[in-house]
């Protein structure tokens, strides 16, 4: 199976408290802060570091660093644009990048079996 076109954002921050709506995510938060977010973005191999212009490739961006010092975007937020690559490759890429950047193993969850 391939991926799909879509965009999501994730924050590389401590876990949310119960009832914290903003903390709801598909993957557990990484307690790594802005430095961890930048390191994770630098460690991906399948995702490309760029701003999405609506293409079909998977991209990752640290929006706050693109907007500059006065950006209202949280420093620990990464924006992902999911393209048409195989979803297993994307999950593996995020997992290996998280391990390199923060030492957290299996962060993006189990990779679906290839069939």
N, C-alpha and C. Protein backbone atom coordinates (compact mmCIF):
# COMPACT_ATOMS: atom_id res chain seq x y z
N UNK A 1 0.83 -1.19 0.00
CA UNK A 1 0.00 0.00 0.00
C UNK A 1 0.87 1.25 0.00
N UNK A 2 0.40 2.26 -0.65
CA UNK A 2 1.11 3.53 -0.69
C UNK A 2 0.61 4.47 0.37
N UNK A 3 1.15 5.65 0.37
CA UNK A 3 0.72 6.67 1.31
C UNK A 3 -0.45 7.44 0.73
N UNK A 4 -0.70 8.60 1.30
CA UNK A 4 -1.77 9.45 0.80
C UNK A 4 -1.32 10.89 0.97
N UNK A 5 -1.93 11.78 0.24
CA UNK A 5 -1.58 13.19 0.37
C UNK A 5 -2.28 13.79 1.57
N UNK A 6 -1.56 14.41 2.44
CA UNK A 6 -2.16 15.04 3.61
C UNK A 6 -1.10 15.75 4.41
N UNK A 7 -1.53 16.60 5.35
CA UNK A 7 -0.59 17.33 6.18
C UNK A 7 -0.97 17.16 7.64
N UNK A 8 0.05 17.05 8.48
CA UNK A 8 -0.18 16.98 9.91
C UNK A 8 0.98 17.68 10.60
N UNK A 9 0.76 18.05 11.84
CA UNK A 9 1.82 18.64 12.64
C UNK A 9 1.97 17.82 13.90
N UNK A 10 3.18 17.77 14.44
CA UNK A 10 3.40 17.10 15.71
C UNK A 10 4.34 17.94 16.53
N UNK A 11 4.12 17.89 17.85
CA UNK A 11 4.96 18.65 18.76
C UNK A 11 5.87 17.68 19.49
N UNK A 12 7.13 18.01 19.52
CA UNK A 12 8.14 17.20 20.19
C UNK A 12 8.30 17.79 21.58
N UNK A 13 7.35 17.40 22.46
CA UNK A 13 7.26 18.01 23.79
C UNK A 13 6.83 16.97 24.81
N UNK A 14 6.86 17.35 26.09
CA UNK A 14 6.44 16.40 27.13
C UNK A 14 4.99 15.96 26.96
N UNK A 15 4.67 14.83 27.53
CA UNK A 15 3.32 14.28 27.44
C UNK A 15 2.29 15.23 28.03
N UNK A 16 1.11 15.21 27.43
CA UNK A 16 0.02 16.07 27.89
C UNK A 16 -0.63 15.50 29.14
N UNK A 17 -1.23 16.38 29.91
CA UNK A 17 -2.01 15.95 31.08
C UNK A 17 -3.37 15.45 30.60
N UNK A 18 -4.02 14.58 31.36
CA UNK A 18 -5.37 14.15 30.98
C UNK A 18 -6.28 15.35 30.79
N UNK A 19 -7.06 15.33 29.70
CA UNK A 19 -7.96 16.42 29.41
C UNK A 19 -7.34 17.54 28.60
N UNK A 20 -6.05 17.47 28.33
CA UNK A 20 -5.36 18.49 27.53
C UNK A 20 -5.61 18.19 26.06
N UNK A 21 -6.59 18.85 25.46
CA UNK A 21 -7.00 18.57 24.08
C UNK A 21 -5.85 18.73 23.11
N UNK A 22 -4.98 19.70 23.34
CA UNK A 22 -3.88 19.95 22.42
C UNK A 22 -2.88 18.80 22.40
N UNK A 23 -2.86 17.98 23.44
CA UNK A 23 -1.89 16.91 23.53
C UNK A 23 -2.29 15.63 22.82
N UNK A 24 -3.47 15.59 22.22
CA UNK A 24 -3.92 14.39 21.54
C UNK A 24 -3.10 14.21 20.28
N UNK A 25 -2.51 13.03 20.11
CA UNK A 25 -1.67 12.77 18.93
C UNK A 25 -1.71 11.30 18.59
N UNK A 26 -1.33 10.97 17.36
CA UNK A 26 -1.31 9.58 16.92
C UNK A 26 -0.09 8.85 17.48
N UNK A 27 0.93 9.59 17.85
CA UNK A 27 2.14 9.00 18.42
C UNK A 27 2.41 9.70 19.75
N UNK A 28 3.09 9.03 20.67
CA UNK A 28 3.38 9.67 21.95
C UNK A 28 4.34 10.84 21.77
N UNK A 29 4.19 11.90 22.57
CA UNK A 29 5.11 13.03 22.46
C UNK A 29 6.53 12.62 22.85
N UNK A 30 7.49 13.26 22.24
CA UNK A 30 8.89 13.08 22.62
C UNK A 30 9.25 14.23 23.56
N UNK A 31 9.87 13.92 24.66
CA UNK A 31 10.27 14.96 25.61
C UNK A 31 11.65 15.46 25.18
N UNK A 32 11.70 16.19 24.05
CA UNK A 32 12.98 16.58 23.49
C UNK A 32 13.09 18.07 23.20
N UNK A 33 11.98 18.79 23.21
CA UNK A 33 12.02 20.23 23.00
C UNK A 33 12.47 20.65 21.61
N UNK A 34 12.77 21.94 21.45
CA UNK A 34 13.15 22.47 20.15
C UNK A 34 14.40 21.80 19.55
N UNK A 35 15.38 21.51 20.39
CA UNK A 35 16.60 20.87 19.89
C UNK A 35 16.30 19.48 19.35
N UNK A 36 15.44 18.74 20.04
CA UNK A 36 15.05 17.41 19.58
C UNK A 36 14.25 17.47 18.29
N UNK A 37 13.40 18.49 18.16
CA UNK A 37 12.62 18.64 16.93
C UNK A 37 13.55 18.89 15.75
N UNK A 38 14.51 19.78 15.92
CA UNK A 38 15.46 20.07 14.84
C UNK A 38 16.31 18.84 14.52
N UNK A 39 16.74 18.12 15.55
CA UNK A 39 17.55 16.92 15.33
C UNK A 39 16.76 15.84 14.61
N UNK A 40 15.49 15.67 14.97
CA UNK A 40 14.64 14.68 14.30
C UNK A 40 14.47 15.06 12.83
N UNK A 41 14.20 16.32 12.54
CA UNK A 41 14.04 16.76 11.16
C UNK A 41 15.32 16.54 10.36
N UNK A 42 16.46 16.70 11.00
CA UNK A 42 17.74 16.52 10.31
C UNK A 42 18.07 15.05 10.08
N UNK A 43 17.46 14.15 10.85
CA UNK A 43 17.82 12.73 10.79
C UNK A 43 16.96 11.90 9.84
N UNK A 44 15.89 12.48 9.29
CA UNK A 44 15.05 11.70 8.38
C UNK A 44 15.78 11.43 7.07
N UNK A 45 15.40 10.31 6.42
CA UNK A 45 16.03 9.93 5.16
C UNK A 45 15.02 9.86 4.01
N UNK A 46 13.78 9.51 4.32
CA UNK A 46 12.74 9.41 3.29
C UNK A 46 12.04 10.76 3.13
N UNK A 47 11.69 11.38 4.25
CA UNK A 47 11.10 12.72 4.21
C UNK A 47 12.18 13.70 3.72
N UNK A 48 11.76 14.73 3.03
CA UNK A 48 12.65 15.81 2.61
C UNK A 48 12.33 17.04 3.44
N UNK A 49 13.38 17.75 3.87
CA UNK A 49 13.16 18.98 4.65
C UNK A 49 12.81 20.11 3.69
N UNK A 50 11.55 20.50 3.70
CA UNK A 50 11.07 21.56 2.81
C UNK A 50 9.66 21.95 3.21
N UNK A 51 9.22 23.09 2.69
CA UNK A 51 7.84 23.55 2.86
C UNK A 51 6.99 22.94 1.76
N UNK A 52 5.82 22.45 2.10
CA UNK A 52 4.94 21.83 1.11
C UNK A 52 4.32 22.87 0.20
N UNK A 53 4.40 22.58 -1.09
CA UNK A 53 3.74 23.41 -2.09
C UNK A 53 2.67 22.60 -2.81
N UNK A 54 2.23 21.50 -2.16
CA UNK A 54 1.15 20.70 -2.71
C UNK A 54 1.58 19.53 -3.58
N UNK A 55 2.85 19.18 -3.55
CA UNK A 55 3.35 18.06 -4.35
C UNK A 55 2.99 16.72 -3.76
N UNK A 56 3.58 15.66 -4.30
CA UNK A 56 3.25 14.30 -3.87
C UNK A 56 4.33 13.68 -3.00
N UNK A 57 5.40 14.41 -2.71
CA UNK A 57 6.47 13.86 -1.89
C UNK A 57 6.21 14.15 -0.41
N UNK A 58 6.79 13.33 0.45
CA UNK A 58 6.65 13.52 1.90
C UNK A 58 7.71 14.50 2.37
N UNK A 59 7.25 15.51 3.11
CA UNK A 59 8.13 16.59 3.55
C UNK A 59 8.03 16.78 5.06
N UNK A 60 9.08 17.31 5.65
CA UNK A 60 9.09 17.66 7.06
C UNK A 60 9.67 19.07 7.17
N UNK A 61 9.06 19.90 8.02
CA UNK A 61 9.60 21.24 8.19
C UNK A 61 9.49 21.67 9.64
N UNK A 62 10.45 22.45 10.06
CA UNK A 62 10.43 23.11 11.38
C UNK A 62 10.01 24.54 11.09
N UNK A 63 8.71 24.78 11.13
CA UNK A 63 8.12 26.04 10.68
C UNK A 63 8.66 27.26 11.43
N UNK A 64 8.88 27.13 12.73
CA UNK A 64 9.34 28.26 13.52
C UNK A 64 10.68 28.79 13.03
N UNK A 65 11.58 27.90 12.61
CA UNK A 65 12.88 28.37 12.14
C UNK A 65 12.78 29.02 10.77
N UNK A 66 11.78 28.64 9.99
CA UNK A 66 11.57 29.26 8.68
C UNK A 66 10.98 30.66 8.85
N UNK A 67 10.08 30.82 9.82
CA UNK A 67 9.42 32.11 10.04
C UNK A 67 10.29 33.10 10.80
N UNK A 68 11.26 32.62 11.55
CA UNK A 68 12.16 33.52 12.27
C UNK A 68 11.82 33.70 13.73
N UNK A 69 12.56 34.58 14.37
CA UNK A 69 12.50 34.76 15.83
C UNK A 69 11.13 35.18 16.35
N UNK A 70 10.34 35.88 15.58
CA UNK A 70 9.04 36.36 16.04
C UNK A 70 7.89 35.43 15.67
N UNK A 71 8.21 34.21 15.27
CA UNK A 71 7.18 33.26 14.85
C UNK A 71 6.27 32.87 16.02
N UNK A 72 4.95 32.84 15.79
CA UNK A 72 4.04 32.37 16.83
C UNK A 72 3.98 30.84 16.89
N UNK A 73 4.62 30.16 15.96
CA UNK A 73 4.62 28.70 15.91
C UNK A 73 5.51 28.15 17.02
N UNK A 74 5.05 27.17 17.78
CA UNK A 74 5.87 26.59 18.85
C UNK A 74 7.21 26.06 18.31
N UNK A 75 8.27 26.28 19.06
CA UNK A 75 9.61 25.87 18.65
C UNK A 75 9.78 24.34 18.59
N UNK A 76 8.89 23.60 19.26
CA UNK A 76 9.01 22.15 19.28
C UNK A 76 8.05 21.48 18.29
N UNK A 77 7.51 22.24 17.35
CA UNK A 77 6.54 21.70 16.40
C UNK A 77 7.20 21.39 15.06
N UNK A 78 6.92 20.19 14.55
CA UNK A 78 7.33 19.80 13.20
C UNK A 78 6.08 19.62 12.36
N UNK A 79 6.11 20.07 11.14
CA UNK A 79 4.97 19.91 10.23
C UNK A 79 5.35 18.84 9.20
N UNK A 80 4.48 17.85 9.07
CA UNK A 80 4.69 16.77 8.10
C UNK A 80 3.68 16.88 6.98
N UNK A 81 4.14 16.76 5.77
CA UNK A 81 3.27 16.63 4.61
C UNK A 81 3.49 15.21 4.10
N UNK A 82 2.46 14.40 4.17
CA UNK A 82 2.58 12.99 3.81
C UNK A 82 2.25 12.81 2.34
N UNK A 83 3.18 12.25 1.60
CA UNK A 83 3.03 12.07 0.16
C UNK A 83 2.61 10.66 -0.20
N UNK A 84 3.09 10.20 -1.34
CA UNK A 84 2.65 8.92 -1.88
C UNK A 84 3.61 7.77 -1.60
N UNK A 85 4.64 8.03 -0.80
CA UNK A 85 5.55 6.94 -0.43
C UNK A 85 4.81 5.88 0.38
N UNK A 86 5.36 4.71 0.43
CA UNK A 86 4.78 3.62 1.21
C UNK A 86 4.75 4.03 2.69
N UNK A 87 3.61 3.87 3.33
CA UNK A 87 3.45 4.31 4.72
C UNK A 87 4.44 3.60 5.64
N UNK A 88 4.80 2.35 5.33
CA UNK A 88 5.77 1.64 6.17
C UNK A 88 7.14 2.30 6.11
N UNK A 89 7.52 2.79 4.93
CA UNK A 89 8.80 3.49 4.80
C UNK A 89 8.80 4.78 5.61
N UNK A 90 7.67 5.48 5.63
CA UNK A 90 7.58 6.72 6.38
C UNK A 90 7.64 6.47 7.88
N UNK A 91 6.94 5.44 8.34
CA UNK A 91 6.96 5.10 9.78
C UNK A 91 8.37 4.68 10.19
N UNK A 92 9.01 3.85 9.37
CA UNK A 92 10.39 3.44 9.67
C UNK A 92 11.33 4.64 9.71
N UNK A 93 11.13 5.57 8.79
CA UNK A 93 11.99 6.75 8.74
C UNK A 93 11.82 7.61 9.99
N UNK A 94 10.58 7.86 10.40
CA UNK A 94 10.35 8.64 11.61
C UNK A 94 10.90 7.93 12.85
N UNK A 95 10.76 6.61 12.88
CA UNK A 95 11.26 5.84 14.03
C UNK A 95 12.77 5.92 14.13
N UNK A 96 13.47 5.74 12.99
CA UNK A 96 14.94 5.79 13.04
C UNK A 96 15.42 7.20 13.35
N UNK A 97 14.72 8.21 12.85
CA UNK A 97 15.11 9.60 13.13
C UNK A 97 14.91 9.93 14.61
N UNK A 98 13.81 9.45 15.20
CA UNK A 98 13.56 9.69 16.62
C UNK A 98 14.63 9.01 17.47
N UNK A 99 15.01 7.80 17.09
CA UNK A 99 16.05 7.09 17.83
C UNK A 99 17.38 7.86 17.77
N UNK A 100 17.75 8.31 16.59
CA UNK A 100 18.99 9.07 16.44
C UNK A 100 18.93 10.41 17.19
N UNK A 101 17.80 11.08 17.10
CA UNK A 101 17.68 12.43 17.66
C UNK A 101 17.48 12.45 19.17
N UNK A 102 16.76 11.46 19.69
CA UNK A 102 16.36 11.53 21.10
C UNK A 102 16.66 10.26 21.90
N UNK A 103 17.00 9.18 21.21
CA UNK A 103 17.24 7.92 21.90
C UNK A 103 15.99 7.13 22.19
N UNK A 104 14.83 7.62 21.74
CA UNK A 104 13.56 6.93 21.96
C UNK A 104 13.37 5.90 20.86
N UNK A 105 13.26 4.63 21.26
CA UNK A 105 13.12 3.55 20.29
C UNK A 105 11.66 3.22 20.03
N UNK A 106 11.31 2.94 18.78
CA UNK A 106 9.96 2.54 18.42
C UNK A 106 8.94 3.64 18.57
N UNK A 107 9.37 4.90 18.51
CA UNK A 107 8.50 6.02 18.80
C UNK A 107 7.30 6.12 17.88
N UNK A 108 7.48 5.91 16.59
CA UNK A 108 6.37 6.09 15.64
C UNK A 108 5.43 4.89 15.61
N UNK A 109 5.68 3.91 16.45
CA UNK A 109 4.80 2.76 16.52
C UNK A 109 5.30 1.63 15.65
N UNK A 110 4.63 0.48 15.72
CA UNK A 110 5.05 -0.66 14.92
C UNK A 110 4.79 -0.41 13.44
N UNK A 111 5.68 -0.88 12.63
CA UNK A 111 5.53 -0.75 11.18
C UNK A 111 4.63 -1.88 10.69
N UNK A 112 3.59 -1.57 9.92
CA UNK A 112 2.73 -2.64 9.39
C UNK A 112 3.55 -3.62 8.56
N UNK A 113 3.16 -4.88 8.61
CA UNK A 113 3.90 -5.90 7.86
C UNK A 113 3.72 -5.69 6.37
N UNK A 114 4.80 -5.97 5.67
CA UNK A 114 4.73 -5.90 4.20
C UNK A 114 4.15 -7.19 3.69
N UNK A 115 3.20 -7.08 2.76
CA UNK A 115 2.53 -8.28 2.33
C UNK A 115 2.59 -8.53 0.86
